[in-house]
Amino acid sequence: MQPQIQAIVDQWTAAFNAGRTEELAAFYAPDARLVPPGRPVLKGAEALRGFFRDIRGQGFRDYQVAIDDSFAKGESTVASGRWTLTGPGPDGANHRYDGNWLIVLEGNAAPGRFLVHMWN
């Protein structure tokens, strides 16, 4: 299961890092929730595309993710790990940010689209 999740996460990461923010919404189920830190929950493809366009436009890049844990639960798969990202800081210079992330994916035999995506 973890190689399948890694493949999905790697595809998402490649799209984000290439600036293909319009493609990112396709990784999410229609009723998915995006839970960014310190912001309201986002729902729907247009809200997700707008969020990712905004953070890429601010200069956030070089996203990387490592999967530390994954497990099937009911009809879903849960995965978590660590992320890093480069982006502007309050001083205007680029900084490296990192934290934890969690995704819930559709399905458990062949994990699919994101149902919930959150990070800190």
N, C-alpha and C. Protein backbone atom coordinates (compact mmCIF):
# COMPACT_ATOMS: atom_id res chain seq x y z
N MET A 1 0.82 -1.20 0.00
CA MET A 1 0.00 0.00 0.00
C MET A 1 0.87 1.27 0.00
N GLN A 2 1.95 1.28 0.78
CA GLN A 2 2.76 2.49 0.86
C GLN A 2 3.37 2.89 -0.48
N PRO A 3 3.83 1.96 -1.34
CA PRO A 3 4.32 2.39 -2.65
C PRO A 3 3.24 3.08 -3.50
N GLN A 4 1.98 2.62 -3.38
CA GLN A 4 0.89 3.26 -4.12
C GLN A 4 0.65 4.67 -3.61
N ILE A 5 0.67 4.83 -2.31
CA ILE A 5 0.49 6.16 -1.72
C ILE A 5 1.64 7.06 -2.12
N GLN A 6 2.86 6.54 -2.06
CA GLN A 6 4.03 7.34 -2.44
C GLN A 6 3.91 7.80 -3.88
N ALA A 7 3.42 6.94 -4.76
CA ALA A 7 3.26 7.32 -6.17
C ALA A 7 2.28 8.48 -6.32
N ILE A 8 1.16 8.43 -5.60
CA ILE A 8 0.17 9.51 -5.66
C ILE A 8 0.78 10.81 -5.12
N VAL A 9 1.44 10.71 -3.98
CA VAL A 9 2.06 11.89 -3.36
C VAL A 9 3.15 12.46 -4.27
N ASP A 10 3.92 11.61 -4.91
CA ASP A 10 4.97 12.06 -5.82
C ASP A 10 4.38 12.79 -7.02
N GLN A 11 3.26 12.29 -7.55
CA GLN A 11 2.59 12.96 -8.67
C GLN A 11 2.06 14.33 -8.26
N TRP A 12 1.45 14.39 -7.07
CA TRP A 12 0.95 15.67 -6.55
C TRP A 12 2.11 16.65 -6.39
N THR A 13 3.21 16.18 -5.78
CA THR A 13 4.38 17.01 -5.55
C THR A 13 4.96 17.54 -6.86
N ALA A 14 5.06 16.68 -7.86
CA ALA A 14 5.60 17.09 -9.16
C ALA A 14 4.73 18.18 -9.78
N ALA A 15 3.41 18.04 -9.69
CA ALA A 15 2.51 19.06 -10.24
C ALA A 15 2.67 20.38 -9.50
N PHE A 16 2.72 20.33 -8.16
CA PHE A 16 2.89 21.55 -7.38
C PHE A 16 4.22 22.22 -7.71
N ASN A 17 5.30 21.46 -7.69
CA ASN A 17 6.63 22.04 -7.92
C ASN A 17 6.79 22.58 -9.33
N ALA A 18 6.07 22.03 -10.30
CA ALA A 18 6.12 22.52 -11.67
C ALA A 18 5.18 23.71 -11.89
N GLY A 19 4.42 24.07 -10.85
CA GLY A 19 3.49 25.19 -10.98
C GLY A 19 2.21 24.83 -11.71
N ARG A 20 1.91 23.55 -11.84
CA ARG A 20 0.69 23.11 -12.54
C ARG A 20 -0.47 23.05 -11.53
N THR A 21 -0.78 24.20 -10.95
CA THR A 21 -1.78 24.24 -9.89
C THR A 21 -3.18 23.86 -10.37
N GLU A 22 -3.46 24.07 -11.65
CA GLU A 22 -4.78 23.70 -12.17
C GLU A 22 -4.99 22.18 -12.11
N GLU A 23 -3.92 21.42 -12.17
CA GLU A 23 -4.01 19.96 -12.13
C GLU A 23 -4.23 19.41 -10.72
N LEU A 24 -3.89 20.19 -9.71
CA LEU A 24 -3.91 19.67 -8.34
C LEU A 24 -5.31 19.26 -7.89
N ALA A 25 -6.34 19.97 -8.32
CA ALA A 25 -7.70 19.65 -7.89
C ALA A 25 -8.11 18.23 -8.31
N ALA A 26 -7.52 17.70 -9.37
CA ALA A 26 -7.85 16.35 -9.83
C ALA A 26 -7.40 15.28 -8.84
N PHE A 27 -6.51 15.61 -7.93
CA PHE A 27 -6.05 14.65 -6.92
C PHE A 27 -7.06 14.51 -5.77
N TYR A 28 -8.08 15.38 -5.74
CA TYR A 28 -9.02 15.44 -4.63
C TYR A 28 -10.40 14.95 -5.06
N ALA A 29 -11.08 14.23 -4.18
CA ALA A 29 -12.47 13.84 -4.43
C ALA A 29 -13.32 15.11 -4.47
N PRO A 30 -14.47 15.07 -5.16
CA PRO A 30 -15.31 16.27 -5.26
C PRO A 30 -15.72 16.86 -3.90
N ASP A 31 -15.88 16.02 -2.89
CA ASP A 31 -16.29 16.50 -1.57
C ASP A 31 -15.12 16.57 -0.58
N ALA A 32 -13.89 16.61 -1.10
CA ALA A 32 -12.69 16.62 -0.26
C ALA A 32 -12.60 17.90 0.56
N ARG A 33 -11.82 17.80 1.64
CA ARG A 33 -11.55 18.93 2.51
C ARG A 33 -10.05 19.18 2.53
N LEU A 34 -9.67 20.43 2.33
CA LEU A 34 -8.28 20.87 2.47
C LEU A 34 -8.23 21.71 3.73
N VAL A 35 -7.35 21.34 4.66
CA VAL A 35 -7.29 21.99 5.97
C VAL A 35 -5.91 22.62 6.15
N PRO A 36 -5.70 23.82 5.58
CA PRO A 36 -4.41 24.48 5.74
C PRO A 36 -4.28 25.10 7.13
N PRO A 37 -3.07 25.22 7.63
CA PRO A 37 -2.90 25.76 8.98
C PRO A 37 -3.36 27.22 9.07
N GLY A 38 -4.12 27.50 10.12
CA GLY A 38 -4.53 28.86 10.39
C GLY A 38 -5.54 29.46 9.43
N ARG A 39 -6.15 28.64 8.59
CA ARG A 39 -7.12 29.13 7.61
C ARG A 39 -8.38 28.27 7.67
N PRO A 40 -9.48 28.78 7.14
CA PRO A 40 -10.71 27.97 7.11
C PRO A 40 -10.54 26.74 6.21
N VAL A 41 -11.34 25.74 6.48
CA VAL A 41 -11.38 24.54 5.65
C VAL A 41 -11.85 24.92 4.25
N LEU A 42 -11.20 24.37 3.24
CA LEU A 42 -11.57 24.63 1.84
C LEU A 42 -12.25 23.40 1.27
N LYS A 43 -13.29 23.64 0.46
CA LYS A 43 -14.02 22.56 -0.20
C LYS A 43 -14.26 22.96 -1.65
N GLY A 44 -14.18 22.00 -2.52
CA GLY A 44 -14.49 22.24 -3.92
C GLY A 44 -13.26 22.55 -4.74
N ALA A 45 -13.30 22.13 -6.00
CA ALA A 45 -12.15 22.23 -6.90
C ALA A 45 -11.68 23.66 -7.07
N GLU A 46 -12.59 24.60 -7.25
CA GLU A 46 -12.17 25.99 -7.49
C GLU A 46 -11.48 26.59 -6.27
N ALA A 47 -11.99 26.29 -5.09
CA ALA A 47 -11.35 26.79 -3.86
C ALA A 47 -9.94 26.21 -3.72
N LEU A 48 -9.78 24.92 -4.02
CA LEU A 48 -8.47 24.29 -3.93
C LEU A 48 -7.51 24.88 -4.95
N ARG A 49 -7.96 25.02 -6.19
CA ARG A 49 -7.10 25.61 -7.23
C ARG A 49 -6.67 27.02 -6.84
N GLY A 50 -7.62 27.81 -6.34
CA GLY A 50 -7.30 29.17 -5.93
C GLY A 50 -6.28 29.21 -4.81
N PHE A 51 -6.43 28.33 -3.84
CA PHE A 51 -5.47 28.28 -2.73
C PHE A 51 -4.08 27.95 -3.24
N PHE A 52 -3.95 26.93 -4.09
CA PHE A 52 -2.62 26.54 -4.57
C PHE A 52 -2.04 27.58 -5.53
N ARG A 53 -2.87 28.23 -6.34
CA ARG A 53 -2.38 29.33 -7.18
C ARG A 53 -1.81 30.44 -6.29
N ASP A 54 -2.52 30.74 -5.22
CA ASP A 54 -2.10 31.81 -4.31
C ASP A 54 -0.76 31.51 -3.66
N ILE A 55 -0.59 30.30 -3.11
CA ILE A 55 0.67 30.04 -2.42
C ILE A 55 1.84 29.90 -3.40
N ARG A 56 1.58 29.39 -4.59
CA ARG A 56 2.65 29.37 -5.61
C ARG A 56 2.98 30.80 -6.03
N GLY A 57 1.96 31.64 -6.17
CA GLY A 57 2.18 33.03 -6.54
C GLY A 57 2.97 33.80 -5.50
N GLN A 58 2.87 33.40 -4.25
CA GLN A 58 3.63 34.04 -3.18
C GLN A 58 5.10 33.61 -3.20
N GLY A 59 5.41 32.55 -3.95
CA GLY A 59 6.79 32.11 -4.08
C GLY A 59 7.13 30.83 -3.36
N PHE A 60 6.13 30.09 -2.89
CA PHE A 60 6.42 28.82 -2.22
C PHE A 60 6.70 27.74 -3.25
N ARG A 61 7.81 27.01 -3.04
CA ARG A 61 8.30 26.04 -4.01
C ARG A 61 9.07 24.92 -3.32
N ASP A 62 9.57 24.02 -4.13
CA ASP A 62 10.47 22.95 -3.67
C ASP A 62 9.84 22.09 -2.57
N TYR A 63 8.58 21.75 -2.74
CA TYR A 63 7.87 20.92 -1.78
C TYR A 63 8.43 19.51 -1.83
N GLN A 64 8.64 18.93 -0.66
CA GLN A 64 9.06 17.54 -0.55
C GLN A 64 8.28 16.90 0.57
N VAL A 65 8.03 15.62 0.44
CA VAL A 65 7.26 14.92 1.47
C VAL A 65 7.84 13.53 1.69
N ALA A 66 7.77 13.10 2.94
CA ALA A 66 8.17 11.74 3.30
C ALA A 66 6.98 11.09 4.02
N ILE A 67 6.67 9.87 3.64
CA ILE A 67 5.59 9.13 4.30
C ILE A 67 6.21 8.35 5.45
N ASP A 68 5.67 8.57 6.65
CA ASP A 68 6.17 7.87 7.83
C ASP A 68 5.26 6.72 8.25
N ASP A 69 3.96 6.83 7.92
CA ASP A 69 3.00 5.84 8.39
C ASP A 69 1.82 5.81 7.44
N SER A 70 1.23 4.64 7.27
CA SER A 70 -0.01 4.51 6.51
C SER A 70 -0.74 3.27 6.97
N PHE A 71 -2.07 3.35 6.90
CA PHE A 71 -2.88 2.20 7.27
C PHE A 71 -4.26 2.33 6.64
N ALA A 72 -4.90 1.19 6.43
CA ALA A 72 -6.26 1.16 5.91
C ALA A 72 -7.23 1.20 7.08
N LYS A 73 -8.32 1.91 6.89
CA LYS A 73 -9.37 2.00 7.90
C LYS A 73 -10.70 2.06 7.17
N GLY A 74 -11.49 1.00 7.33
CA GLY A 74 -12.76 0.96 6.62
C GLY A 74 -12.55 1.04 5.12
N GLU A 75 -13.20 1.98 4.48
CA GLU A 75 -13.09 2.16 3.04
C GLU A 75 -12.07 3.23 2.66
N SER A 76 -11.19 3.59 3.59
CA SER A 76 -10.22 4.66 3.35
C SER A 76 -8.82 4.22 3.73
N THR A 77 -7.86 5.03 3.32
CA THR A 77 -6.47 4.86 3.70
C THR A 77 -5.99 6.15 4.32
N VAL A 78 -5.27 6.05 5.41
CA VAL A 78 -4.72 7.21 6.10
C VAL A 78 -3.21 7.15 5.98
N ALA A 79 -2.59 8.28 5.65
CA ALA A 79 -1.13 8.37 5.57
C ALA A 79 -0.68 9.66 6.23
N SER A 80 0.50 9.60 6.83
CA SER A 80 1.05 10.81 7.47
C SER A 80 2.56 10.80 7.32
N GLY A 81 3.14 11.94 7.55
CA GLY A 81 4.58 12.06 7.45
C GLY A 81 5.04 13.48 7.68
N ARG A 82 6.18 13.80 7.07
CA ARG A 82 6.80 15.12 7.20
C ARG A 82 6.86 15.79 5.84
N TRP A 83 6.80 17.11 5.83
CA TRP A 83 6.93 17.89 4.61
C TRP A 83 7.96 18.99 4.81
N THR A 84 8.55 19.46 3.71
CA THR A 84 9.40 20.65 3.70
C THR A 84 9.04 21.47 2.46
N LEU A 85 9.30 22.76 2.56
CA LEU A 85 8.91 23.69 1.50
C LEU A 85 9.79 24.93 1.62
N THR A 86 10.15 25.53 0.51
CA THR A 86 10.89 26.78 0.50
C THR A 86 9.93 27.90 0.13
N GLY A 87 10.03 29.02 0.86
CA GLY A 87 9.18 30.15 0.55
C GLY A 87 9.62 31.40 1.28
N PRO A 88 8.99 32.51 0.93
CA PRO A 88 9.39 33.80 1.52
C PRO A 88 9.04 33.88 3.00
N GLY A 89 9.94 34.51 3.73
CA GLY A 89 9.70 34.76 5.15
C GLY A 89 9.34 36.21 5.37
N PRO A 90 9.10 36.59 6.61
CA PRO A 90 8.73 37.97 6.92
C PRO A 90 9.80 38.98 6.51
N ASP A 91 11.06 38.53 6.41
CA ASP A 91 12.15 39.42 6.02
C ASP A 91 12.32 39.52 4.51
N GLY A 92 11.47 38.79 3.75
CA GLY A 92 11.54 38.82 2.29
C GLY A 92 12.48 37.78 1.70
N ALA A 93 13.36 37.23 2.51
CA ALA A 93 14.28 36.18 2.03
C ALA A 93 13.58 34.82 2.07
N ASN A 94 14.04 33.91 1.22
CA ASN A 94 13.49 32.55 1.23
C ASN A 94 13.97 31.79 2.45
N HIS A 95 13.06 31.01 2.99
CA HIS A 95 13.34 30.17 4.16
C HIS A 95 12.83 28.77 3.89
N ARG A 96 13.32 27.83 4.66
CA ARG A 96 12.86 26.45 4.59
C ARG A 96 11.85 26.24 5.71
N TYR A 97 10.68 25.75 5.36
CA TYR A 97 9.63 25.46 6.33
C TYR A 97 9.42 23.95 6.36
N ASP A 98 8.95 23.43 7.50
CA ASP A 98 8.66 22.01 7.57
C ASP A 98 7.58 21.76 8.61
N GLY A 99 7.02 20.57 8.55
CA GLY A 99 5.99 20.20 9.50
C GLY A 99 5.48 18.80 9.25
N ASN A 100 4.34 18.51 9.83
CA ASN A 100 3.66 17.22 9.67
C ASN A 100 2.50 17.38 8.71
N TRP A 101 2.13 16.30 8.04
CA TRP A 101 0.96 16.30 7.17
C TRP A 101 0.19 15.01 7.37
N LEU A 102 -1.07 15.05 6.95
CA LEU A 102 -1.94 13.88 7.03
C LEU A 102 -2.88 13.92 5.84
N ILE A 103 -3.06 12.78 5.20
CA ILE A 103 -4.06 12.66 4.14
C ILE A 103 -4.92 11.44 4.42
N VAL A 104 -6.18 11.56 4.04
CA VAL A 104 -7.10 10.43 4.02
C VAL A 104 -7.48 10.26 2.56
N LEU A 105 -7.29 9.04 2.04
CA LEU A 105 -7.55 8.75 0.64
C LEU A 105 -8.75 7.83 0.49
N GLU A 106 -9.42 7.93 -0.65
CA GLU A 106 -10.49 7.00 -0.97
C GLU A 106 -9.90 5.60 -1.16
N GLY A 107 -10.61 4.61 -0.69
CA GLY A 107 -10.23 3.22 -0.93
C GLY A 107 -9.10 2.74 -0.05
N ASN A 108 -9.00 1.42 0.04
CA ASN A 108 -7.91 0.85 0.83
C ASN A 108 -7.10 -0.19 0.07
N ALA A 109 -7.69 -0.82 -0.92
CA ALA A 109 -6.92 -1.80 -1.69
C ALA A 109 -6.04 -1.08 -2.72
N ALA A 110 -6.58 -0.04 -3.33
CA ALA A 110 -5.85 0.79 -4.28
C ALA A 110 -6.19 2.24 -3.96
N PRO A 111 -5.46 2.86 -3.02
CA PRO A 111 -5.79 4.21 -2.61
C PRO A 111 -5.90 5.16 -3.79
N GLY A 112 -6.90 6.03 -3.72
CA GLY A 112 -7.18 6.94 -4.82
C GLY A 112 -7.06 8.40 -4.42
N ARG A 113 -8.13 9.14 -4.70
CA ARG A 113 -8.10 10.59 -4.49
C ARG A 113 -8.15 10.96 -3.01
N PHE A 114 -7.66 12.17 -2.72
CA PHE A 114 -7.62 12.69 -1.37
C PHE A 114 -9.04 13.02 -0.91
N LEU A 115 -9.39 12.61 0.30
CA LEU A 115 -10.64 13.01 0.95
C LEU A 115 -10.39 14.16 1.93
N VAL A 116 -9.28 14.06 2.65
CA VAL A 116 -8.85 15.09 3.58
C VAL A 116 -7.35 15.27 3.42
N HIS A 117 -6.91 16.52 3.42
CA HIS A 117 -5.47 16.85 3.32
C HIS A 117 -5.22 17.98 4.30
N MET A 118 -4.38 17.74 5.28
CA MET A 118 -4.08 18.78 6.26
C MET A 118 -2.61 18.74 6.66
N TRP A 119 -2.12 19.86 7.13
CA TRP A 119 -0.72 19.95 7.57
C TRP A 119 -0.57 21.09 8.55
N ASN A 120 0.58 21.08 9.25
CA ASN A 120 0.88 22.18 10.18
C ASN A 120 2.24 22.75 9.86
